[in-house]
Amino acid sequence: MKNMLLAAAAVLLVSPSIAGAQCVRGSEKGLRVGWTAFKTPAKIGVGGHLRGMKSQGPSEAQSWQRLVLGQTLTLDADEKSVDTDDKARDAKIAKFFFDNMKGKIVARVVKIDEKEKTLTLSVTMNGRTVDNVAMEFKREGDGLKARGHIDVLDFGASKALKAINEACFEKHQGKTWSHVEIRFDADFKPCL
């Protein structure tokens, strides 16, 4: 019994946490990308997730920062990738918003500021790139949560915004906001 306790203690002492790990990788939970768009003059939020993001970059690195920095996420937004827990709304968002834009959505982490707890992304949507999308982040356990916002008009998406507003005119009471909150959650684990 004593030997088992000593062995268990030794395993705990040498098992690296993410903070001190020599090598980290994404966990099975992976990356979750979410957004909240706003409707009505009262600015009521409608949240959802984007499924099917493809990631390019290292699969493991010496730190979570090195794993995240330079990571590129790509999404061809369509009805299958939009998830608001309402299939009819998903189809409407895909048809009237994303189908009125060109190309894929591409996001790349270009800077991490540990002191300020911010990430800077370069985001391409509708064929336009915005290089300074700021997101505040916090570490929770072995994970990372980042929050920020974009204005779809910065991406030349006025046609898409107008189309979704017209398609949802009654429910949105004539107002669909261009401001969208964005978020992602990532979980890490030590390499084996």
Protein backbone atom coordinates (compact mmCIF):
# COMPACT_ATOMS: atom_id res chain seq x y z
CA MET A 1 0.00 0.00 0.00
CA LYS A 2 2.82 2.38 0.93
CA ASN A 3 4.55 1.68 -2.41
CA MET A 4 1.33 2.38 -4.32
CA LEU A 5 0.94 5.73 -2.55
CA LEU A 6 4.57 6.63 -3.27
CA ALA A 7 4.14 5.65 -6.92
CA ALA A 8 0.96 7.71 -7.21
CA ALA A 9 2.68 10.71 -5.59
CA ALA A 10 5.63 10.35 -7.97
CA VAL A 11 3.31 10.29 -10.98
CA LEU A 12 1.54 13.42 -9.75
CA LEU A 13 4.85 15.21 -9.19
CA VAL A 14 6.24 14.46 -12.62
CA SER A 15 2.98 14.80 -14.58
CA PRO A 16 3.22 18.21 -16.20
CA SER A 17 0.36 20.63 -16.00
CA ILE A 18 -0.21 22.75 -19.09
CA ALA A 19 1.42 25.76 -17.42
CA GLY A 20 4.71 23.92 -17.03
CA ALA A 21 4.45 21.33 -19.79
CA GLN A 22 7.38 20.92 -22.16
CA CYS A 23 4.96 20.10 -24.96
CA VAL A 24 1.26 20.88 -25.37
CA ARG A 25 -1.36 20.00 -27.94
CA GLY A 26 -5.07 20.59 -28.43
CA SER A 27 -7.35 18.30 -26.46
CA GLU A 28 -10.12 16.08 -27.80
CA LYS A 29 -12.60 18.85 -27.01
CA GLY A 30 -10.81 20.87 -29.65
CA LEU A 31 -11.70 24.39 -30.59
CA ARG A 32 -15.16 25.87 -30.31
CA VAL A 33 -15.92 29.03 -32.29
CA GLY A 34 -18.97 31.06 -31.37
CA TRP A 35 -20.66 34.33 -32.14
CA THR A 36 -23.50 36.55 -31.00
CA ALA A 37 -25.26 38.74 -33.55
CA PHE A 38 -27.80 41.37 -32.57
CA LYS A 39 -31.31 42.16 -33.73
CA THR A 40 -34.08 44.67 -32.93
CA PRO A 41 -33.64 48.26 -31.74
CA ALA A 42 -33.23 46.81 -28.20
CA LYS A 43 -30.11 44.93 -29.46
CA ILE A 44 -31.19 41.41 -28.49
CA GLY A 45 -28.44 38.84 -28.95
CA VAL A 46 -28.75 35.66 -31.01
CA GLY A 47 -25.90 33.27 -30.38
CA GLY A 48 -24.51 30.37 -32.30
CA HIS A 49 -21.45 28.35 -33.20
CA LEU A 50 -19.58 27.67 -36.40
CA ARG A 51 -18.88 24.00 -37.05
CA GLY A 52 -16.39 22.56 -39.49
CA MET A 53 -13.48 24.93 -38.88
CA LYS A 54 -10.28 23.57 -40.37
CA SER A 55 -7.06 24.37 -38.54
CA GLN A 56 -3.61 24.77 -40.06
CA GLY A 57 -0.55 25.10 -37.91
CA PRO A 58 1.43 23.06 -35.46
CA SER A 59 -0.39 20.18 -33.78
CA GLU A 60 1.90 20.48 -30.76
CA ALA A 61 4.38 23.03 -29.43
CA GLN A 62 6.51 23.88 -26.39
CA SER A 63 3.81 26.18 -24.98
CA TRP A 64 0.16 27.08 -25.55
CA GLN A 65 1.35 30.44 -26.93
CA ARG A 66 3.49 28.78 -29.59
CA LEU A 67 0.65 26.41 -30.41
CA VAL A 68 -1.85 29.26 -30.87
CA LEU A 69 0.40 31.87 -32.54
CA GLY A 70 0.20 31.51 -36.31
CA GLN A 71 -2.64 28.99 -36.12
CA THR A 72 -4.95 29.55 -39.11
CA LEU A 73 -8.64 28.64 -39.03
CA THR A 74 -10.62 28.32 -42.27
CA LEU A 75 -14.35 27.90 -42.74
CA ASP A 76 -16.52 27.66 -45.82
CA ALA A 77 -19.70 28.95 -44.11
CA ASP A 78 -22.90 27.23 -45.19
CA GLU A 79 -26.04 25.72 -43.69
CA LYS A 80 -24.07 22.78 -42.27
CA SER A 81 -21.60 25.03 -40.44
CA VAL A 82 -24.10 27.43 -38.81
CA ASP A 83 -25.48 26.15 -35.50
CA THR A 84 -27.93 28.24 -33.45
CA ASP A 85 -29.94 25.26 -32.16
CA ASP A 86 -32.68 26.24 -34.64
CA LYS A 87 -32.44 24.54 -38.07
CA ALA A 88 -34.79 27.03 -39.77
CA ARG A 89 -32.76 29.98 -38.46
CA ASP A 90 -29.49 28.24 -39.45
CA ALA A 91 -30.77 27.85 -43.03
CA LYS A 92 -31.89 31.49 -43.14
CA ILE A 93 -28.53 32.79 -41.86
CA ALA A 94 -26.66 30.62 -44.37
CA LYS A 95 -28.88 31.61 -47.30
CA PHE A 96 -29.30 35.31 -46.68
CA PHE A 97 -26.07 36.21 -44.91
CA PHE A 98 -23.23 33.84 -45.79
CA ASP A 99 -24.42 33.11 -49.35
CA ASN A 100 -24.18 36.87 -50.04
CA MET A 101 -20.47 36.90 -49.26
CA LYS A 102 -17.45 35.79 -51.25
CA GLY A 103 -14.94 33.15 -50.27
CA LYS A 104 -14.10 31.49 -47.02
CA ILE A 105 -13.68 32.92 -43.54
CA VAL A 106 -10.02 32.79 -42.53
CA ALA A 107 -8.69 33.82 -39.11
CA ARG A 108 -5.07 33.74 -37.97
CA VAL A 109 -3.60 34.63 -34.57
CA VAL A 110 -0.79 37.11 -35.29
CA LYS A 111 0.06 38.40 -31.80
CA ILE A 112 -0.30 37.39 -28.16
CA ASP A 113 0.18 40.02 -25.44
CA GLU A 114 0.45 38.17 -22.12
CA LYS A 115 0.62 41.38 -20.07
CA GLU A 116 -2.54 42.88 -21.57
CA LYS A 117 -4.20 39.45 -21.97
CA THR A 118 -5.03 40.08 -25.63
CA LEU A 119 -4.78 38.17 -28.88
CA THR A 120 -4.64 39.96 -32.21
CA LEU A 121 -6.15 38.22 -35.21
CA SER A 122 -6.03 38.79 -38.93
CA VAL A 123 -9.51 37.95 -40.23
CA THR A 124 -10.55 37.61 -43.87
CA MET A 125 -14.23 37.51 -44.69
CA ASN A 126 -16.04 38.41 -47.92
CA GLY A 127 -12.66 38.77 -49.61
CA ARG A 128 -11.53 41.58 -47.26
CA THR A 129 -8.93 41.34 -44.53
CA VAL A 130 -8.88 43.18 -41.22
CA ASP A 131 -5.47 42.72 -39.59
CA ASN A 132 -6.14 44.05 -36.10
CA VAL A 133 -9.07 42.16 -34.60
CA ALA A 134 -8.44 42.30 -30.85
CA MET A 135 -9.68 39.65 -28.47
CA GLU A 136 -9.29 39.60 -24.70
CA PHE A 137 -8.35 36.21 -23.34
CA LYS A 138 -8.20 34.42 -20.04
CA ARG A 139 -6.77 31.07 -19.06
CA GLU A 140 -9.15 28.71 -17.28
CA GLY A 141 -7.60 25.47 -16.12
CA ASP A 142 -5.96 23.91 -19.16
CA GLY A 143 -8.01 26.03 -21.54
CA LEU A 144 -8.13 29.41 -23.18
CA LYS A 145 -11.20 31.59 -23.65
CA ALA A 146 -11.01 34.56 -26.01
CA ARG A 147 -13.67 37.22 -26.61
CA GLY A 148 -13.81 40.09 -29.08
CA HIS A 149 -15.97 41.70 -31.71
CA ILE A 150 -16.08 42.57 -35.38
CA ASP A 151 -18.18 44.89 -37.50
CA VAL A 152 -19.31 43.07 -40.65
CA LEU A 153 -19.27 46.40 -42.52
CA ASP A 154 -15.46 46.40 -42.12
CA PHE A 155 -15.56 43.33 -44.37
CA GLY A 156 -17.76 44.96 -47.03
CA ALA A 157 -20.72 42.81 -45.98
CA SER A 158 -23.42 45.48 -46.33
CA LYS A 159 -25.18 43.39 -49.01
CA ALA A 160 -25.27 40.36 -46.70
CA LEU A 161 -26.42 42.46 -43.74
CA LYS A 162 -29.17 44.05 -45.81
CA ALA A 163 -30.30 40.63 -47.11
CA ILE A 164 -30.58 39.06 -43.63
CA ASN A 165 -32.33 42.18 -42.31
CA GLU A 166 -34.91 42.03 -45.12
CA ALA A 167 -35.42 38.26 -44.69
CA CYS A 168 -35.98 38.72 -40.94
CA PHE A 169 -37.50 42.20 -41.05
CA GLU A 170 -40.50 41.44 -38.85
CA LYS A 171 -38.64 39.39 -36.22
CA HIS A 172 -35.78 41.92 -36.15
CA GLN A 173 -38.22 44.85 -36.00
CA GLY A 174 -36.38 46.37 -38.94
CA LYS A 175 -32.95 46.36 -37.28
CA THR A 176 -30.04 43.94 -37.69
CA TRP A 177 -26.83 45.27 -36.16
CA SER A 178 -23.47 45.10 -37.95
CA HIS A 179 -21.62 44.52 -34.66
CA VAL A 180 -20.98 40.83 -33.89
CA GLU A 181 -19.35 39.42 -30.78
CA ILE A 182 -16.94 36.58 -31.50
CA ARG A 183 -15.44 34.01 -29.18
CA PHE A 184 -13.40 30.88 -29.12
CA ASP A 185 -12.62 28.33 -26.47
CA ALA A 186 -9.67 25.96 -26.76
CA ASP A 187 -8.50 23.21 -24.45
CA PHE A 188 -4.92 21.97 -24.22
CA LYS A 189 -3.24 18.90 -22.81
CA PRO A 190 0.36 17.79 -22.35
CA CYS A 191 1.91 15.75 -25.16
CA LEU A 192 2.38 12.11 -24.32
